[in-house]
C-alpha atoms as a PDB file:
ATOM      1  CA  UNK A   1      59.456  -1.017  -3.268  1.00  0.00           C
ATOM      2  CA  UNK A   2      60.951  -3.964  -4.576  1.00  0.00           C
ATOM      3  CA  UNK A   3      60.598  -4.613  -8.260  1.00  0.00           C
ATOM      4  CA  UNK A   4      60.644  -8.144  -9.649  1.00  0.00           C
ATOM      5  CA  UNK A   5      60.585  -8.720 -13.370  1.00  0.00           C
ATOM      6  CA  UNK A   6      59.881 -11.955 -15.208  1.00  0.00           C
ATOM      7  CA  UNK A   7      61.210 -12.545 -18.504  1.00  0.00           C
ATOM      8  CA  UNK A   8      60.410 -14.735 -21.347  1.00  0.00           C
ATOM      9  CA  UNK A   9      62.879 -15.290 -24.470  1.00  0.00           C
ATOM     10  CA  UNK A  10      61.763 -17.317 -27.689  1.00  0.00           C
ATOM     11  CA  UNK A  11      63.141 -15.575 -30.509  1.00  0.00           C
ATOM     12  CA  UNK A  12      65.101 -18.995 -32.174  1.00  0.00           C
ATOM     13  CA  UNK A  13      65.419 -22.114 -30.433  1.00  0.00           C
ATOM     14  CA  UNK A  14      66.050 -21.535 -26.776  1.00  0.00           C
ATOM     15  CA  UNK A  15      63.082 -21.519 -24.582  1.00  0.00           C
ATOM     16  CA  UNK A  16      64.200 -19.368 -21.915  1.00  0.00           C
ATOM     17  CA  UNK A  17      62.692 -17.576 -18.481  1.00  0.00           C
ATOM     18  CA  UNK A  18      64.269 -15.490 -15.901  1.00  0.00           C
ATOM     19  CA  UNK A  19      63.433 -13.455 -12.802  1.00  0.00           C
ATOM     20  CA  UNK A  20      65.180 -10.034 -11.948  1.00  0.00           C
ATOM     21  CA  UNK A  21      64.534  -8.301  -8.704  1.00  0.00           C
ATOM     22  CA  UNK A  22      65.863  -5.017  -8.290  1.00  0.00           C
ATOM     23  CA  UNK A  23      68.359  -5.207 -10.972  1.00  0.00           C
ATOM     24  CA  UNK A  24      69.957  -8.733 -10.065  1.00  0.00           C
ATOM     25  CA  UNK A  25      69.223 -11.919 -11.978  1.00  0.00           C
ATOM     26  CA  UNK A  26      67.869 -14.569  -9.270  1.00  0.00           C
ATOM     27  CA  UNK A  27      67.098 -17.331 -12.124  1.00  0.00           C
ATOM     28  CA  UNK A  28      68.221 -17.734 -15.670  1.00  0.00           C
ATOM     29  CA  UNK A  29      66.825 -20.891 -17.044  1.00  0.00           C
ATOM     30  CA  UNK A  30      67.183 -22.280 -20.772  1.00  0.00           C
ATOM     31  CA  UNK A  31      65.659 -25.132 -22.645  1.00  0.00           C
ATOM     32  CA  UNK A  32      67.544 -25.923 -25.554  1.00  0.00           C
ATOM     33  CA  UNK A  33      66.002 -27.629 -28.806  1.00  0.00           C
ATOM     34  CA  UNK A  34      68.548 -30.283 -30.107  1.00  0.00           C
ATOM     35  CA  UNK A  35      66.175 -31.563 -33.071  1.00  0.00           C
ATOM     36  CA  UNK A  36      67.618 -28.820 -35.410  1.00  0.00           C
ATOM     37  CA  UNK A  37      70.747 -30.670 -35.422  1.00  0.00           C
ATOM     38  CA  UNK A  38      69.943 -33.485 -38.015  1.00  0.00           C
ATOM     39  CA  UNK A  39      68.617 -30.597 -40.419  1.00  0.00           C
ATOM     40  CA  UNK A  40      72.009 -28.816 -40.081  1.00  0.00           C
ATOM     41  CA  UNK A  41      70.218 -25.719 -39.096  1.00  0.00           C
ATOM     42  CA  UNK A  42      66.998 -24.416 -36.984  1.00  0.00           C
ATOM     43  CA  UNK A  43      63.500 -25.682 -38.678  1.00  0.00           C
ATOM     44  CA  UNK A  44      60.930 -22.558 -37.657  1.00  0.00           C
ATOM     45  CA  UNK A  45      57.922 -24.912 -37.114  1.00  0.00           C
ATOM     46  CA  UNK A  46      59.640 -27.230 -35.188  1.00  0.00           C
ATOM     47  CA  UNK A  47      61.193 -24.505 -32.890  1.00  0.00           C
ATOM     48  CA  UNK A  48      57.975 -22.882 -32.523  1.00  0.00           C
ATOM     49  CA  UNK A  49      55.936 -26.373 -31.323  1.00  0.00           C
ATOM     50  CA  UNK A  50      59.196 -27.030 -28.887  1.00  0.00           C
ATOM     51  CA  UNK A  51      58.645 -23.334 -27.356  1.00  0.00           C
ATOM     52  CA  UNK A  52      54.778 -24.268 -26.885  1.00  0.00           C
ATOM     53  CA  UNK A  53      55.950 -27.689 -25.048  1.00  0.00           C
ATOM     54  CA  UNK A  54      58.706 -25.987 -23.052  1.00  0.00           C
ATOM     55  CA  UNK A  55      57.449 -22.568 -21.732  1.00  0.00           C
ATOM     56  CA  UNK A  56      55.259 -23.295 -18.853  1.00  0.00           C
ATOM     57  CA  UNK A  57      57.941 -25.505 -17.299  1.00  0.00           C
ATOM     58  CA  UNK A  58      60.477 -23.300 -17.737  1.00  0.00           C
ATOM     59  CA  UNK A  59      58.743 -20.333 -16.488  1.00  0.00           C
ATOM     60  CA  UNK A  60      57.695 -22.601 -13.399  1.00  0.00           C
ATOM     61  CA  UNK A  61      61.644 -23.674 -12.973  1.00  0.00           C
ATOM     62  CA  UNK A  62      62.820 -19.913 -13.281  1.00  0.00           C
ATOM     63  CA  UNK A  63      60.024 -18.850 -10.259  1.00  0.00           C
ATOM     64  CA  UNK A  64      61.056 -21.796  -8.198  1.00  0.00           C
ATOM     65  CA  UNK A  65      64.851 -21.204  -8.582  1.00  0.00           C
ATOM     66  CA  UNK A  66      64.603 -17.617  -7.839  1.00  0.00           C
ATOM     67  CA  UNK A  67      61.938 -18.086  -4.550  1.00  0.00           C
ATOM     68  CA  UNK A  68      59.490 -16.236  -6.225  1.00  0.00           C
ATOM     69  CA  UNK A  69      55.861 -16.185  -6.289  1.00  0.00           C
ATOM     70  CA  UNK A  70      53.983 -15.482  -9.353  1.00  0.00           C
ATOM     71  CA  UNK A  71      51.985 -13.181  -7.289  1.00  0.00           C
ATOM     72  CA  UNK A  72      54.754 -11.137  -6.193  1.00  0.00           C
ATOM     73  CA  UNK A  73      55.831 -10.513  -9.908  1.00  0.00           C
ATOM     74  CA  UNK A  74      55.723  -6.485 -10.951  1.00  0.00           C
ATOM     75  CA  UNK A  75      55.913  -6.942 -14.309  1.00  0.00           C
ATOM     76  CA  UNK A  76      56.417  -9.389 -17.283  1.00  0.00           C
ATOM     77  CA  UNK A  77      58.841  -8.915 -20.064  1.00  0.00           C
ATOM     78  CA  UNK A  78      59.262 -10.489 -23.392  1.00  0.00           C
ATOM     79  CA  UNK A  79      61.286 -10.735 -26.594  1.00  0.00           C
ATOM     80  CA  UNK A  80      59.129  -8.803 -29.110  1.00  0.00           C
ATOM     81  CA  UNK A  81      61.666  -8.757 -31.907  1.00  0.00           C
ATOM     82  CA  UNK A  82      63.666  -9.366 -33.916  1.00  0.00           C
ATOM     83  CA  UNK A  83      63.879 -13.560 -34.798  1.00  0.00           C
ATOM     84  CA  UNK A  84      61.211 -16.383 -36.105  1.00  0.00           C
ATOM     85  CA  UNK A  85      57.902 -15.281 -35.770  1.00  0.00           C
ATOM     86  CA  UNK A  86      56.410 -18.289 -35.068  1.00  0.00           C
ATOM     87  CA  UNK A  87      58.853 -18.554 -32.019  1.00  0.00           C
ATOM     88  CA  UNK A  88      58.298 -14.989 -31.038  1.00  0.00           C
ATOM     89  CA  UNK A  89      54.381 -15.562 -30.606  1.00  0.00           C
ATOM     90  CA  UNK A  90      54.894 -18.262 -28.361  1.00  0.00           C
ATOM     91  CA  UNK A  91      56.422 -16.030 -25.643  1.00  0.00           C
ATOM     92  CA  UNK A  92      54.752 -12.934 -26.652  1.00  0.00           C
ATOM     93  CA  UNK A  93      50.972 -14.348 -26.095  1.00  0.00           C
ATOM     94  CA  UNK A  94      52.101 -16.194 -22.826  1.00  0.00           C
ATOM     95  CA  UNK A  95      53.570 -13.258 -21.570  1.00  0.00           C
ATOM     96  CA  UNK A  96      50.216 -11.234 -22.787  1.00  0.00           C
ATOM     97  CA  UNK A  97      47.606 -13.596 -21.028  1.00  0.00           C
ATOM     98  CA  UNK A  98      49.926 -13.415 -17.823  1.00  0.00           C
ATOM     99  CA  UNK A  99      49.717  -9.716 -17.750  1.00  0.00           C
ATOM    100  CA  UNK A 100      46.216  -9.599 -18.083  1.00  0.00           C
ATOM    101  CA  UNK A 101      45.595 -12.187 -15.539  1.00  0.00           C
ATOM    102  CA  UNK A 102      48.053 -10.718 -12.934  1.00  0.00           C
ATOM    103  CA  UNK A 103      46.887  -7.177 -13.929  1.00  0.00           C
ATOM    104  CA  UNK A 104      50.637  -6.086 -14.073  1.00  0.00           C
ATOM    105  CA  UNK A 105      52.839  -4.041 -16.735  1.00  0.00           C
ATOM    106  CA  UNK A 106      53.680  -5.899 -20.003  1.00  0.00           C
ATOM    107  CA  UNK A 107      57.108  -4.941 -21.308  1.00  0.00           C
ATOM    108  CA  UNK A 108      58.314  -5.512 -25.002  1.00  0.00           C
ATOM    109  CA  UNK A 109      61.882  -6.007 -25.358  1.00  0.00           C
ATOM    110  CA  UNK A 110      64.154  -6.079 -28.569  1.00  0.00           C
ATOM    111  CA  UNK A 111      66.303  -8.815 -28.466  1.00  0.00           C
ATOM    112  CA  UNK A 112      69.516  -6.534 -29.744  1.00  0.00           C
ATOM    113  CA  UNK A 113      69.048  -4.037 -26.978  1.00  0.00           C
ATOM    114  CA  UNK A 114      68.851  -6.883 -24.429  1.00  0.00           C
ATOM    115  CA  UNK A 115      72.080  -7.905 -25.646  1.00  0.00           C
ATOM    116  CA  UNK A 116      73.816  -4.825 -25.353  1.00  0.00           C
ATOM    117  CA  UNK A 117      72.280  -4.198 -21.844  1.00  0.00           C
ATOM    118  CA  UNK A 118      73.265  -8.051 -20.825  1.00  0.00           C
ATOM    119  CA  UNK A 119      76.252  -6.096 -19.707  1.00  0.00           C
ATOM    120  CA  UNK A 120      74.767  -4.289 -16.998  1.00  0.00           C
ATOM    121  CA  UNK A 121      74.047  -7.488 -15.032  1.00  0.00           C
ATOM    122  CA  UNK A 122      75.573  -7.476 -11.993  1.00  0.00           C
ATOM    123  CA  UNK A 123      78.186 -10.447 -11.278  1.00  0.00           C
ATOM    124  CA  UNK A 124      80.803 -11.594  -9.067  1.00  0.00           C
ATOM    125  CA  UNK A 125      84.505 -13.204  -9.405  1.00  0.00           C
ATOM    126  CA  UNK A 126      86.027 -14.381  -6.251  1.00  0.00           C
ATOM    127  CA  UNK A 127      83.689 -13.045  -4.306  1.00  0.00           C
ATOM    128  CA  UNK A 128      84.178  -9.604  -5.778  1.00  0.00           C
ATOM    129  CA  UNK A 129      81.523  -7.738  -7.675  1.00  0.00           C
ATOM    130  CA  UNK A 130      82.691  -6.838 -11.055  1.00  0.00           C
ATOM    131  CA  UNK A 131      82.330  -3.849 -12.643  1.00  0.00           C
ATOM    132  CA  UNK A 132      79.858  -2.315 -15.072  1.00  0.00           C
ATOM    133  CA  UNK A 133      80.357   0.033 -18.050  1.00  0.00           C
ATOM    134  CA  UNK A 134      79.673   3.359 -17.510  1.00  0.00           C
ATOM    135  CA  UNK A 135      77.500   5.560 -19.956  1.00  0.00           C
ATOM    136  CA  UNK A 136      78.231   6.423 -22.963  1.00  0.00           C
ATOM    137  CA  UNK A 137      79.757   3.161 -23.672  1.00  0.00           C
ATOM    138  CA  UNK A 138      80.088   1.040 -27.094  1.00  0.00           C
ATOM    139  CA  UNK A 139      78.745  -2.391 -27.379  1.00  0.00           C
ATOM    140  CA  UNK A 140      79.961  -4.474 -30.125  1.00  0.00           C
ATOM    141  CA  UNK A 141      77.008  -6.853 -30.622  1.00  0.00           C
ATOM    142  CA  UNK A 142      77.549 -10.242 -33.015  1.00  0.00           C
ATOM    143  CA  UNK A 143      75.409 -13.159 -33.187  1.00  0.00           C
ATOM    144  CA  UNK A 144      74.159 -15.391 -35.732  1.00  0.00           C
ATOM    145  CA  UNK A 145      71.822 -12.833 -37.422  1.00  0.00           C
ATOM    146  CA  UNK A 146      73.443  -9.677 -36.114  1.00  0.00           C
ATOM    147  CA  UNK A 147      76.643  -7.423 -36.436  1.00  0.00           C
ATOM    148  CA  UNK A 148      76.151  -3.967 -34.951  1.00  0.00           C
ATOM    149  CA  UNK A 149      78.286  -1.382 -32.980  1.00  0.00           C
ATOM    150  CA  UNK A 150      75.965   0.084 -30.783  1.00  0.00           C
ATOM    151  CA  UNK A 151      76.580   3.699 -29.286  1.00  0.00           C
ATOM    152  CA  UNK A 152      74.622   3.418 -25.661  1.00  0.00           C
ATOM    153  CA  UNK A 153      73.987   6.732 -24.162  1.00  0.00           C
ATOM    154  CA  UNK A 154      71.472   5.120 -21.343  1.00  0.00           C
ATOM    155  CA  UNK A 155      69.669   1.955 -21.004  1.00  0.00           C
ATOM    156  CA  UNK A 156      66.725   3.537 -23.069  1.00  0.00           C
ATOM    157  CA  UNK A 157      68.869   5.417 -25.445  1.00  0.00           C
ATOM    158  CA  UNK A 158      70.713   3.479 -27.979  1.00  0.00           C
ATOM    159  CA  UNK A 159      72.131   4.143 -31.412  1.00  0.00           C
ATOM    160  CA  UNK A 160      73.349   1.768 -34.066  1.00  0.00           C
ATOM    161  CA  UNK A 161      76.109   3.299 -35.627  1.00  0.00           C
ATOM    162  CA  UNK A 162      77.499   0.536 -37.651  1.00  0.00           C
ATOM    163  CA  UNK A 163      76.273  -2.726 -38.792  1.00  0.00           C
ATOM    164  CA  UNK A 164      76.698  -5.709 -41.391  1.00  0.00           C
ATOM    165  CA  UNK A 165      75.748  -4.654 -45.120  1.00  0.00           C
ATOM    166  CA  UNK A 166      75.092  -8.072 -45.963  1.00  0.00           C
ATOM    167  CA  UNK A 167      76.009 -11.241 -43.832  1.00  0.00           C
ATOM    168  CA  UNK A 168      76.225 -11.250 -39.696  1.00  0.00           C
ATOM    169  CA  UNK A 169      79.901 -12.685 -38.033  1.00  0.00           C
ATOM    170  CA  UNK A 170      78.125 -15.768 -36.569  1.00  0.00           C
ATOM    171  CA  UNK A 171      76.481 -16.577 -39.955  1.00  0.00           C
ATOM    172  CA  UNK A 172      80.074 -16.592 -41.255  1.00  0.00           C
ATOM    173  CA  UNK A 173      81.267 -18.751 -38.722  1.00  0.00           C
ATOM    174  CA  UNK A 174      78.198 -21.248 -39.439  1.00  0.00           C
ATOM    175  CA  UNK A 175      78.575 -21.177 -43.177  1.00  0.00           C
ATOM    176  CA  UNK A 176      82.473 -21.650 -42.907  1.00  0.00           C
ATOM    177  CA  UNK A 177      82.199 -24.833 -40.635  1.00  0.00           C
ATOM    178  CA  UNK A 178      79.353 -26.286 -42.957  1.00  0.00           C
ATOM    179  CA  UNK A 179      81.880 -26.054 -46.087  1.00  0.00           C
ATOM    180  CA  UNK A 180      84.496 -28.030 -43.523  1.00  0.00           C
ATOM    181  CA  UNK A 181      82.096 -30.905 -43.168  1.00  0.00           C
ATOM    182  CA  UNK A 182      81.406 -29.589 -39.546  1.00  0.00           C
ATOM    183  CA  UNK A 183      78.008 -30.388 -38.011  1.00  0.00           C
ATOM    184  CA  UNK A 184      75.653 -27.740 -36.879  1.00  0.00           C
ATOM    185  CA  UNK A 185      76.215 -25.484 -34.618  1.00  0.00           C
ATOM    186  CA  UNK A 186      79.641 -25.143 -36.405  1.00  0.00           C
ATOM    187  CA  UNK A 187      80.435 -21.986 -35.082  1.00  0.00           C
ATOM    188  CA  UNK A 188      81.923 -23.112 -31.664  1.00  0.00           C
ATOM    189  CA  UNK A 189      83.304 -25.984 -33.332  1.00  0.00           C
ATOM    190  CA  UNK A 190      85.794 -23.622 -35.061  1.00  0.00           C
ATOM    191  CA  UNK A 191      86.491 -22.144 -32.289  1.00  0.00           C
ATOM    192  CA  UNK A 192      87.485 -25.118 -30.521  1.00  0.00           C
ATOM    193  CA  UNK A 193      89.732 -26.652 -33.521  1.00  0.00           C
ATOM    194  CA  UNK A 194      91.145 -23.101 -33.838  1.00  0.00           C
ATOM    195  CA  UNK A 195      92.993 -23.559 -30.150  1.00  0.00           C
ATOM    196  CA  UNK A 196      95.145 -26.308 -31.742  1.00  0.00           C
ATOM    197  CA  UNK A 197      95.822 -24.025 -35.103  1.00  0.00           C
ATOM    198  CA  UNK A 198      98.345 -21.786 -36.333  1.00  0.00           C
ATOM    199  CA  UNK A 199      96.146 -18.756 -37.312  1.00  0.00           C
ATOM    200  CA  UNK A 200      98.848 -17.241 -39.421  1.00  0.00           C
ATOM    201  CA  UNK A 201      99.027 -20.310 -41.855  1.00  0.00           C
ATOM    202  CA  UNK A 202      96.710 -19.101 -44.377  1.00  0.00           C
ATOM    203  CA  UNK A 203      95.478 -15.863 -45.389  1.00  0.00           C
ATOM    204  CA  UNK A 204      91.988 -14.641 -46.050  1.00  0.00           C
ATOM    205  CA  UNK A 205      90.830 -10.805 -47.296  1.00  0.00           C
ATOM    206  CA  UNK A 206      89.515  -8.085 -45.746  1.00  0.00           C
ATOM    207  CA  UNK A 207      86.646  -6.313 -46.849  1.00  0.00           C
ATOM    208  CA  UNK A 208      87.512  -2.561 -47.629  1.00  0.00           C
ATOM    209  CA  UNK A 209      83.908  -1.189 -46.204  1.00  0.00           C
ATOM    210  CA  UNK A 210      84.007   2.551 -45.615  1.00  0.00           C
ATOM    211  CA  UNK A 211      82.796   3.835 -42.441  1.00  0.00           C
ATOM    212  CA  UNK A 212      81.755   1.408 -39.679  1.00  0.00           C
ATOM    213  CA  UNK A 213      79.561  -0.940 -41.574  1.00  0.00           C
ATOM    214  CA  UNK A 214      80.947  -4.628 -41.905  1.00  0.00           C
ATOM    215  CA  UNK A 215      80.777  -7.017 -44.731  1.00  0.00           C
ATOM    216  CA  UNK A 216      81.238 -10.960 -44.563  1.00  0.00           C
ATOM    217  CA  UNK A 217      79.613 -12.147 -47.736  1.00  0.00           C
ATOM    218  CA  UNK A 218      82.928 -11.846 -49.509  1.00  0.00           C
ATOM    219  CA  UNK A 219      84.920 -13.458 -46.950  1.00  0.00           C
ATOM    220  CA  UNK A 220      82.548 -16.707 -47.497  1.00  0.00           C
ATOM    221  CA  UNK A 221      83.064 -16.654 -50.921  1.00  0.00           C
ATOM    222  CA  UNK A 222      86.983 -16.341 -50.492  1.00  0.00           C
ATOM    223  CA  UNK A 223      86.947 -19.332 -48.081  1.00  0.00           C
ATOM    224  CA  UNK A 224      84.951 -21.281 -50.277  1.00  0.00           C
ATOM    225  CA  UNK A 225      86.993 -20.584 -53.682  1.00  0.00           C
ATOM    226  CA  UNK A 226      89.862 -21.472 -51.369  1.00  0.00           C
ATOM    227  CA  UNK A 227      88.661 -24.813 -50.047  1.00  0.00           C
ATOM    228  CA  UNK A 228      87.298 -25.953 -53.809  1.00  0.00           C
ATOM    229  CA  UNK A 229      90.914 -24.974 -55.138  1.00  0.00           C
ATOM    230  CA  UNK A 230      92.914 -27.090 -52.658  1.00  0.00           C
ATOM    231  CA  UNK A 231      90.507 -29.866 -52.570  1.00  0.00           C
ATOM    232  CA  UNK A 232      90.751 -30.277 -56.396  1.00  0.00           C
ATOM    233  CA  UNK A 233      94.368 -30.605 -55.912  1.00  0.00           C
ATOM    234  CA  UNK A 234      94.398 -32.534 -52.816  1.00  0.00           C
ATOM    235  CA  UNK A 235      90.903 -34.409 -51.427  1.00  0.00           C
ATOM    236  CA  UNK A 236      92.243 -34.717 -48.082  1.00  0.00           C
ATOM    237  CA  UNK A 237      93.274 -31.199 -47.659  1.00  0.00           C
ATOM    238  CA  UNK A 238      90.694 -29.729 -45.343  1.00  0.00           C
ATOM    239  CA  UNK A 239      90.912 -33.115 -43.102  1.00  0.00           C
ATOM    240  CA  UNK A 240      94.963 -32.792 -42.900  1.00  0.00           C
ATOM    241  CA  UNK A 241      94.748 -29.130 -42.185  1.00  0.00           C
ATOM    242  CA  UNK A 242      91.576 -28.478 -40.313  1.00  0.00           C
ATOM    243  CA  UNK A 243      92.492 -26.710 -37.217  1.00  0.00           C
ATOM    244  CA  UNK A 244      94.811 -24.146 -39.407  1.00  0.00           C
ATOM    245  CA  UNK A 245      92.192 -23.628 -41.677  1.00  0.00           C
ATOM    246  CA  UNK A 246      89.631 -22.967 -38.768  1.00  0.00           C
ATOM    247  CA  UNK A 247      92.449 -20.785 -36.880  1.00  0.00           C
ATOM    248  CA  UNK A 248      93.201 -18.676 -40.031  1.00  0.00           C
ATOM    249  CA  UNK A 249      89.316 -18.257 -40.379  1.00  0.00           C
ATOM    250  CA  UNK A 250      88.823 -17.368 -37.057  1.00  0.00           C
ATOM    251  CA  UNK A 251      91.413 -14.900 -37.031  1.00  0.00           C
ATOM    252  CA  UNK A 252      90.044 -12.706 -40.054  1.00  0.00           C
ATOM    253  CA  UNK A 253      86.523 -12.603 -38.648  1.00  0.00           C
ATOM    254  CA  UNK A 254      87.988 -11.306 -35.486  1.00  0.00           C
ATOM    255  CA  UNK A 255      90.163  -8.884 -37.002  1.00  0.00           C
ATOM    256  CA  UNK A 256      87.392  -7.512 -39.228  1.00  0.00           C
ATOM    257  CA  UNK A 257      85.324  -7.066 -36.040  1.00  0.00           C
ATOM    258  CA  UNK A 258      88.057  -5.375 -34.034  1.00  0.00           C
ATOM    259  CA  UNK A 259      89.511  -3.307 -36.609  1.00  0.00           C
ATOM    260  CA  UNK A 260      85.690  -1.738 -36.844  1.00  0.00           C
ATOM    261  CA  UNK A 261      85.369  -1.386 -33.281  1.00  0.00           C
ATOM    262  CA  UNK A 262      88.636   0.477 -32.881  1.00  0.00           C
ATOM    263  CA  UNK A 263      87.715   3.089 -35.520  1.00  0.00           C
ATOM    264  CA  UNK A 264      84.162   3.431 -33.687  1.00  0.00           C
ATOM    265  CA  UNK A 265      86.168   3.997 -30.524  1.00  0.00           C
ATOM    266  CA  UNK A 266      88.698   6.227 -32.140  1.00  0.00           C
ATOM    267  CA  UNK A 267      85.836   8.363 -33.521  1.00  0.00           C
ATOM    268  CA  UNK A 268      83.740   8.816 -30.286  1.00  0.00           C
ATOM    269  CA  UNK A 269      86.691   9.023 -27.793  1.00  0.00           C
ATOM    270  CA  UNK A 270      84.620   6.659 -25.868  1.00  0.00           C
ATOM    271  CA  UNK A 271      86.882   3.983 -23.647  1.00  0.00           C
ATOM    272  CA  UNK A 272      84.071   1.846 -22.262  1.00  0.00           C
ATOM    273  CA  UNK A 273      83.894  -0.912 -24.730  1.00  0.00           C
ATOM    274  CA  UNK A 274      81.751  -4.043 -24.347  1.00  0.00           C
ATOM    275  CA  UNK A 275      80.897  -6.813 -26.683  1.00  0.00           C
ATOM    276  CA  UNK A 276      77.694  -8.977 -26.444  1.00  0.00           C
ATOM    277  CA  UNK A 277      75.772 -11.628 -28.345  1.00  0.00           C
ATOM    278  CA  UNK A 278      76.484 -15.410 -29.055  1.00  0.00           C
ATOM    279  CA  UNK A 279      79.625 -14.749 -30.750  1.00  0.00           C
ATOM    280  CA  UNK A 280      81.055 -12.887 -28.003  1.00  0.00           C
ATOM    281  CA  UNK A 281      81.311 -16.623 -26.718  1.00  0.00           C
ATOM    282  CA  UNK A 282      84.218 -17.055 -28.688  1.00  0.00           C
ATOM    283  CA  UNK A 283      87.274 -17.435 -26.805  1.00  0.00           C
ATOM    284  CA  UNK A 284      89.333 -16.015 -29.884  1.00  0.00           C
ATOM    285  CA  UNK A 285      87.338 -13.002 -30.021  1.00  0.00           C
ATOM    286  CA  UNK A 286      87.248 -12.404 -26.076  1.00  0.00           C
ATOM    287  CA  UNK A 287      91.130 -13.085 -26.029  1.00  0.00           C
ATOM    288  CA  UNK A 288      91.781 -10.413 -28.920  1.00  0.00           C
ATOM    289  CA  UNK A 289      89.140  -8.104 -27.603  1.00  0.00           C
ATOM    290  CA  UNK A 290      90.732  -7.936 -24.311  1.00  0.00           C
ATOM    291  CA  UNK A 291      94.092  -7.640 -26.022  1.00  0.00           C
ATOM    292  CA  UNK A 292      93.139  -4.768 -27.995  1.00  0.00           C
ATOM    293  CA  UNK A 293      91.786  -3.028 -24.988  1.00  0.00           C
ATOM    294  CA  UNK A 294      95.124  -2.988 -23.001  1.00  0.00           C
ATOM    295  CA  UNK A 295      96.721  -1.793 -26.231  1.00  0.00           C
ATOM    296  CA  UNK A 296      94.096   1.414 -26.749  1.00  0.00           C
ATOM    297  CA  UNK A 297      93.785   1.638 -22.802  1.00  0.00           C
ATOM    298  CA  UNK A 298      89.927   0.667 -22.954  1.00  0.00           C
ATOM    299  CA  UNK A 299      87.634  -0.278 -20.043  1.00  0.00           C
ATOM    300  CA  UNK A 300      86.533  -3.754 -21.530  1.00  0.00           C
ATOM    301  CA  UNK A 301      83.585  -5.767 -20.652  1.00  0.00           C
ATOM    302  CA  UNK A 302      82.000  -9.045 -21.573  1.00  0.00           C
ATOM    303  CA  UNK A 303      78.712 -10.612 -20.191  1.00  0.00           C
ATOM    304  CA  UNK A 304      79.175 -14.015 -18.530  1.00  0.00           C
ATOM    305  CA  UNK A 305      79.152 -16.918 -21.232  1.00  0.00           C
ATOM    306  CA  UNK A 306      75.603 -17.768 -19.785  1.00  0.00           C
ATOM    307  CA  UNK A 307      74.423 -14.047 -20.819  1.00  0.00           C
ATOM    308  CA  UNK A 308      76.233 -14.184 -24.184  1.00  0.00           C
ATOM    309  CA  UNK A 309      74.068 -16.911 -26.160  1.00  0.00           C
ATOM    310  CA  UNK A 310      70.237 -16.446 -26.252  1.00  0.00           C
ATOM    311  CA  UNK A 311      68.979 -16.116 -22.430  1.00  0.00           C
ATOM    312  CA  UNK A 312      66.104 -14.494 -20.533  1.00  0.00           C
ATOM    313  CA  UNK A 313      68.371 -12.751 -18.050  1.00  0.00           C
ATOM    314  CA  UNK A 314      69.074 -10.022 -20.642  1.00  0.00           C
ATOM    315  CA  UNK A 315      65.527  -9.674 -21.211  1.00  0.00           C
ATOM    316  CA  UNK A 316      64.808  -9.316 -17.653  1.00  0.00           C
ATOM    317  CA  UNK A 317      67.565  -6.603 -17.106  1.00  0.00           C
ATOM    318  CA  UNK A 318      66.155  -4.431 -19.868  1.00  0.00           C
ATOM    319  CA  UNK A 319      62.825  -5.218 -18.895  1.00  0.00           C
ATOM    320  CA  UNK A 320      63.949  -4.055 -15.076  1.00  0.00           C
ATOM    321  CA  UNK A 321      64.847  -0.799 -16.811  1.00  0.00           C
ATOM    322  CA  UNK A 322      61.999  -0.249 -18.911  1.00  0.00           C
ATOM    323  CA  UNK A 323      60.053  -0.662 -15.792  1.00  0.00           C
ATOM    324  CA  UNK A 324      61.846   2.056 -14.332  1.00  0.00           C
ATOM    325  CA  UNK A 325      60.975   4.266 -17.343  1.00  0.00           C
ATOM    326  CA  UNK A 326      57.556   3.158 -17.324  1.00  0.00           C
ATOM    327  CA  UNK A 327      57.808   2.067 -20.847  1.00  0.00           C
ATOM    328  CA  UNK A 328      54.746  -0.385 -20.952  1.00  0.00           C
ATOM    329  CA  UNK A 329      52.809  -1.540 -24.067  1.00  0.00           C
ATOM    330  CA  UNK A 330      49.286  -2.616 -24.228  1.00  0.00           C
ATOM    331  CA  UNK A 331      47.892  -6.187 -24.907  1.00  0.00           C
ATOM    332  CA  UNK A 332      47.585  -5.277 -28.480  1.00  0.00           C
ATOM    333  CA  UNK A 333      51.217  -5.275 -29.196  1.00  0.00           C
ATOM    334  CA  UNK A 334      52.631  -8.063 -31.792  1.00  0.00           C
ATOM    335  CA  UNK A 335      55.518  -9.649 -32.096  1.00  0.00           C
ATOM    336  CA  UNK A 336      57.719  -9.020 -35.356  1.00  0.00           C
ATOM    337  CA  UNK A 337      60.384 -10.550 -37.119  1.00  0.00           C
ATOM    338  CA  UNK A 338      62.140  -7.583 -37.811  1.00  0.00           C
ATOM    339  CA  UNK A 339      61.954  -4.185 -36.216  1.00  0.00           C
ATOM    340  CA  UNK A 340      64.142  -1.428 -35.906  1.00  0.00           C
ATOM    341  CA  UNK A 341      65.482  -0.427 -32.363  1.00  0.00           C
END
């Protein structure tokens, strides 16, 4: 029997819907919210209101693009946690309504589990289907709110073996960009400027955190003091050295991430290594990750760019595996701003 999953994602400021049939993504529609740029960050109330406006047309377009009738959908998947509670509730209540009206299973998905499983989405390059990681594999999931190393033993069995004890890598990028006077979202702009800069020009410290956990709060403080000190002596310092500063900041954040990932790979003996999440779209991280893979004889995997940032395709592929496992929830389920895997 063919299995079609309709998935909805609204954990932050992207309203997204996707259709997956038998593990193949047929559509992946995303509506972005530009209104937050003027505030320098996501405003939760504005985000939830925009989700209410976008969700129906986004779901309609996902079904139309996939040539899928709502009556032929076998299950409804939605992001249950983590995220902005007002935003999460929009998708959760919409998904529950569809599940009830269609009398089909409801599937709750953890956002970070979905990022890891984005590496299982089939894709093609030059007409050839790309490979997927074999279980068990390690996945470095990096975003604005999370930084984790996940041991993935199966689609339904995952364990976080390392995580940030304070700030996330994506936050370090965005806060550094703000210190540099770059507009929101600043992380992608650091990546753009870094391509033109000398990454060895300025040195920033690497936190000495034992085990596989991460820390970025100290690095952010070091960057703040570095910029303040130079600006006191030369008010034009940032403007005149922007590309080198960006390249140096990016190099340090990437090295922190990859040094822990190398340690995790050595400790577990696992050679199939993945990255995922919004920061996985960073070109510096992608390049350094692939180079590390060659040096350490890993099989490396990175989702397509569109599956790195918040999207519903990753919710759909996770929903598909949960459907196969019979992992359904009742209509009494509630969204949660923070929840363990």
